[in-house]
Amino acid sequence: IGLSKEVAAENVRVNAVRPGFIFTDFHALSGDPF
């Protein structure tokens, strides 16, 4: 969100995905030691 706000005045859009895990009950059941 920070980059989006920084360049919004210049009519630049930022569309980004931050890769990583979202730990949920589903992942806990998989047995992986994260």
PDB file of N, CA and C in Angstrom:
ATOM      1  N   ILE A   1       0.837  -1.193   0.000  1.00  0.00           N
ATOM      2  CA  ILE A   1       0.000   0.000   0.000  1.00  0.00           C
ATOM      3  C   ILE A   1       0.871   1.242   0.000  1.00  0.00           C
ATOM      4  N   GLY A   2       2.024   1.200   0.640  1.00  0.00           N
ATOM      5  CA  GLY A   2       2.891   2.366   0.716  1.00  0.00           C
ATOM      6  C   GLY A   2       3.321   2.858  -0.656  1.00  0.00           C
ATOM      7  N   LEU A   3       3.739   1.946  -1.529  1.00  0.00           N
ATOM      8  CA  LEU A   3       4.168   2.333  -2.869  1.00  0.00           C
ATOM      9  C   LEU A   3       3.002   2.895  -3.663  1.00  0.00           C
ATOM     10  N   SER A   4       1.823   2.328  -3.510  1.00  0.00           N
ATOM     11  CA  SER A   4       0.640   2.821  -4.218  1.00  0.00           C
ATOM     12  C   SER A   4       0.359   4.269  -3.858  1.00  0.00           C
ATOM     13  N   LYS A   5       0.427   4.586  -2.582  1.00  0.00           N
ATOM     14  CA  LYS A   5       0.181   5.965  -2.139  1.00  0.00           C
ATOM     15  C   LYS A   5       1.278   6.903  -2.619  1.00  0.00           C
ATOM     16  N   GLU A   6       2.490   6.406  -2.658  1.00  0.00           N
ATOM     17  CA  GLU A   6       3.627   7.234  -3.042  1.00  0.00           C
ATOM     18  C   GLU A   6       3.544   7.698  -4.492  1.00  0.00           C
ATOM     19  N   VAL A   7       3.074   6.845  -5.402  1.00  0.00           N
ATOM     20  CA  VAL A   7       3.060   7.192  -6.822  1.00  0.00           C
ATOM     21  C   VAL A   7       1.667   7.522  -7.356  1.00  0.00           C
ATOM     22  N   ALA A   8       0.659   7.529  -6.503  1.00  0.00           N
ATOM     23  CA  ALA A   8      -0.710   7.802  -6.946  1.00  0.00           C
ATOM     24  C   ALA A   8      -0.846   9.195  -7.556  1.00  0.00           C
ATOM     25  N   ALA A   9      -0.150  10.171  -7.029  1.00  0.00           N
ATOM     26  CA  ALA A   9      -0.236  11.538  -7.545  1.00  0.00           C
ATOM     27  C   ALA A   9       0.287  11.645  -8.974  1.00  0.00           C
ATOM     28  N   GLU A  10       1.087  10.693  -9.398  1.00  0.00           N
ATOM     29  CA  GLU A  10       1.643  10.688 -10.753  1.00  0.00           C
ATOM     30  C   GLU A  10       0.847   9.785 -11.686  1.00  0.00           C
ATOM     31  N   ASN A  11      -0.366   9.401 -11.271  1.00  0.00           N
ATOM     32  CA  ASN A  11      -1.252   8.527 -12.043  1.00  0.00           C
ATOM     33  C   ASN A  11      -0.609   7.184 -12.373  1.00  0.00           C
ATOM     34  N   VAL A  12       0.118   6.636 -11.418  1.00  0.00           N
ATOM     35  CA  VAL A  12       0.736   5.326 -11.568  1.00  0.00           C
ATOM     36  C   VAL A  12       0.015   4.364 -10.638  1.00  0.00           C
ATOM     37  N   ARG A  13      -0.394   3.229 -11.177  1.00  0.00           N
ATOM     38  CA  ARG A  13      -1.036   2.201 -10.365  1.00  0.00           C
ATOM     39  C   ARG A  13      -0.023   1.120 -10.023  1.00  0.00           C
ATOM     40  N   VAL A  14      -0.162   0.574  -8.836  1.00  0.00           N
ATOM     41  CA  VAL A  14       0.706  -0.511  -8.392  1.00  0.00           C
ATOM     42  C   VAL A  14      -0.172  -1.718  -8.101  1.00  0.00           C
ATOM     43  N   ASN A  15       0.141  -2.825  -8.753  1.00  0.00           N
ATOM     44  CA  ASN A  15      -0.574  -4.069  -8.530  1.00  0.00           C
ATOM     45  C   ASN A  15       0.480  -5.107  -8.177  1.00  0.00           C
ATOM     46  N   ALA A  16       0.511  -5.504  -6.915  1.00  0.00           N
ATOM     47  CA  ALA A  16       1.568  -6.407  -6.474  1.00  0.00           C
ATOM     48  C   ALA A  16       1.007  -7.468  -5.540  1.00  0.00           C
ATOM     49  N   VAL A  17       1.673  -8.596  -5.535  1.00  0.00           N
ATOM     50  CA  VAL A  17       1.330  -9.688  -4.632  1.00  0.00           C
ATOM     51  C   VAL A  17       2.574 -10.010  -3.822  1.00  0.00           C
ATOM     52  N   ARG A  18       2.404 -10.065  -2.541  1.00  0.00           N
ATOM     53  CA  ARG A  18       3.532 -10.420  -1.687  1.00  0.00           C
ATOM     54  C   ARG A  18       3.487 -11.916  -1.436  1.00  0.00           C
ATOM     55  N   PRO A  19       4.434 -12.648  -1.990  1.00  0.00           N
ATOM     56  CA  PRO A  19       4.397 -14.100  -1.815  1.00  0.00           C
ATOM     57  C   PRO A  19       4.695 -14.497  -0.374  1.00  0.00           C
ATOM     58  N   GLY A  20       4.101 -15.583   0.013  1.00  0.00           N
ATOM     59  CA  GLY A  20       4.347 -16.105   1.352  1.00  0.00           C
ATOM     60  C   GLY A  20       3.185 -16.955   1.807  1.00  0.00           C
ATOM     61  N   PHE A  21       3.367 -17.596   2.939  1.00  0.00           N
ATOM     62  CA  PHE A  21       2.327 -18.461   3.477  1.00  0.00           C
ATOM     63  C   PHE A  21       1.374 -17.677   4.359  1.00  0.00           C
ATOM     64  N   ILE A  22       0.122 -18.071   4.314  1.00  0.00           N
ATOM     65  CA  ILE A  22      -0.873 -17.603   5.272  1.00  0.00           C
ATOM     66  C   ILE A  22      -1.232 -18.825   6.089  1.00  0.00           C
ATOM     67  N   PHE A  23      -0.827 -18.834   7.340  1.00  0.00           N
ATOM     68  CA  PHE A  23      -1.008 -20.014   8.176  1.00  0.00           C
ATOM     69  C   PHE A  23      -2.453 -20.122   8.642  1.00  0.00           C
ATOM     70  N   THR A  24      -3.063 -21.244   8.326  1.00  0.00           N
ATOM     71  CA  THR A  24      -4.448 -21.505   8.702  1.00  0.00           C
ATOM     72  C   THR A  24      -4.526 -22.881   9.350  1.00  0.00           C
ATOM     73  N   ASP A  25      -5.706 -23.225   9.842  1.00  0.00           N
ATOM     74  CA  ASP A  25      -5.911 -24.553  10.417  1.00  0.00           C
ATOM     75  C   ASP A  25      -5.636 -25.639   9.380  1.00  0.00           C
ATOM     76  N   PHE A  26      -5.950 -25.366   8.122  1.00  0.00           N
ATOM     77  CA  PHE A  26      -5.710 -26.326   7.051  1.00  0.00           C
ATOM     78  C   PHE A  26      -4.225 -26.681   6.975  1.00  0.00           C
ATOM     79  N   HIS A  27      -3.369 -25.674   7.045  1.00  0.00           N
ATOM     80  CA  HIS A  27      -1.932 -25.923   6.988  1.00  0.00           C
ATOM     81  C   HIS A  27      -1.444 -26.661   8.229  1.00  0.00           C
ATOM     82  N   ALA A  28      -2.038 -26.383   9.370  1.00  0.00           N
ATOM     83  CA  ALA A  28      -1.641 -27.065  10.607  1.00  0.00           C
ATOM     84  C   ALA A  28      -1.915 -28.561  10.512  1.00  0.00           C
ATOM     85  N   LEU A  29      -2.958 -28.939   9.805  1.00  0.00           N
ATOM     86  CA  LEU A  29      -3.313 -30.346   9.671  1.00  0.00           C
ATOM     87  C   LEU A  29      -2.381 -31.111   8.726  1.00  0.00           C
ATOM     88  N   SER A  30      -1.615 -30.386   7.917  1.00  0.00           N
ATOM     89  CA  SER A  30      -0.754 -31.055   6.941  1.00  0.00           C
ATOM     90  C   SER A  30       0.461 -31.711   7.584  1.00  0.00           C
ATOM     91  N   GLY A  31       0.800 -31.308   8.799  1.00  0.00           N
ATOM     92  CA  GLY A  31       1.933 -31.902   9.489  1.00  0.00           C
ATOM     93  C   GLY A  31       3.265 -31.245   9.197  1.00  0.00           C
ATOM     94  N   ASP A  32       3.300 -30.235   8.325  1.00  0.00           N
ATOM     95  CA  ASP A  32       4.552 -29.534   8.050  1.00  0.00           C
ATOM     96  C   ASP A  32       4.961 -28.718   9.273  1.00  0.00           C
ATOM     97  N   PRO A  33       6.237 -28.756   9.626  1.00  0.00           N
ATOM     98  CA  PRO A  33       6.686 -28.056  10.844  1.00  0.00           C
ATOM     99  C   PRO A  33       6.962 -26.572  10.640  1.00  0.00           C
ATOM    100  N   PHE A  34       6.029 -25.835  10.108  1.00  0.00           N
ATOM    101  CA  PHE A  34       6.241 -24.395   9.907  1.00  0.00           C
ATOM    102  C   PHE A  34       5.976 -23.669  11.171  1.00  0.00           C
TER     103      PHE A  34
END
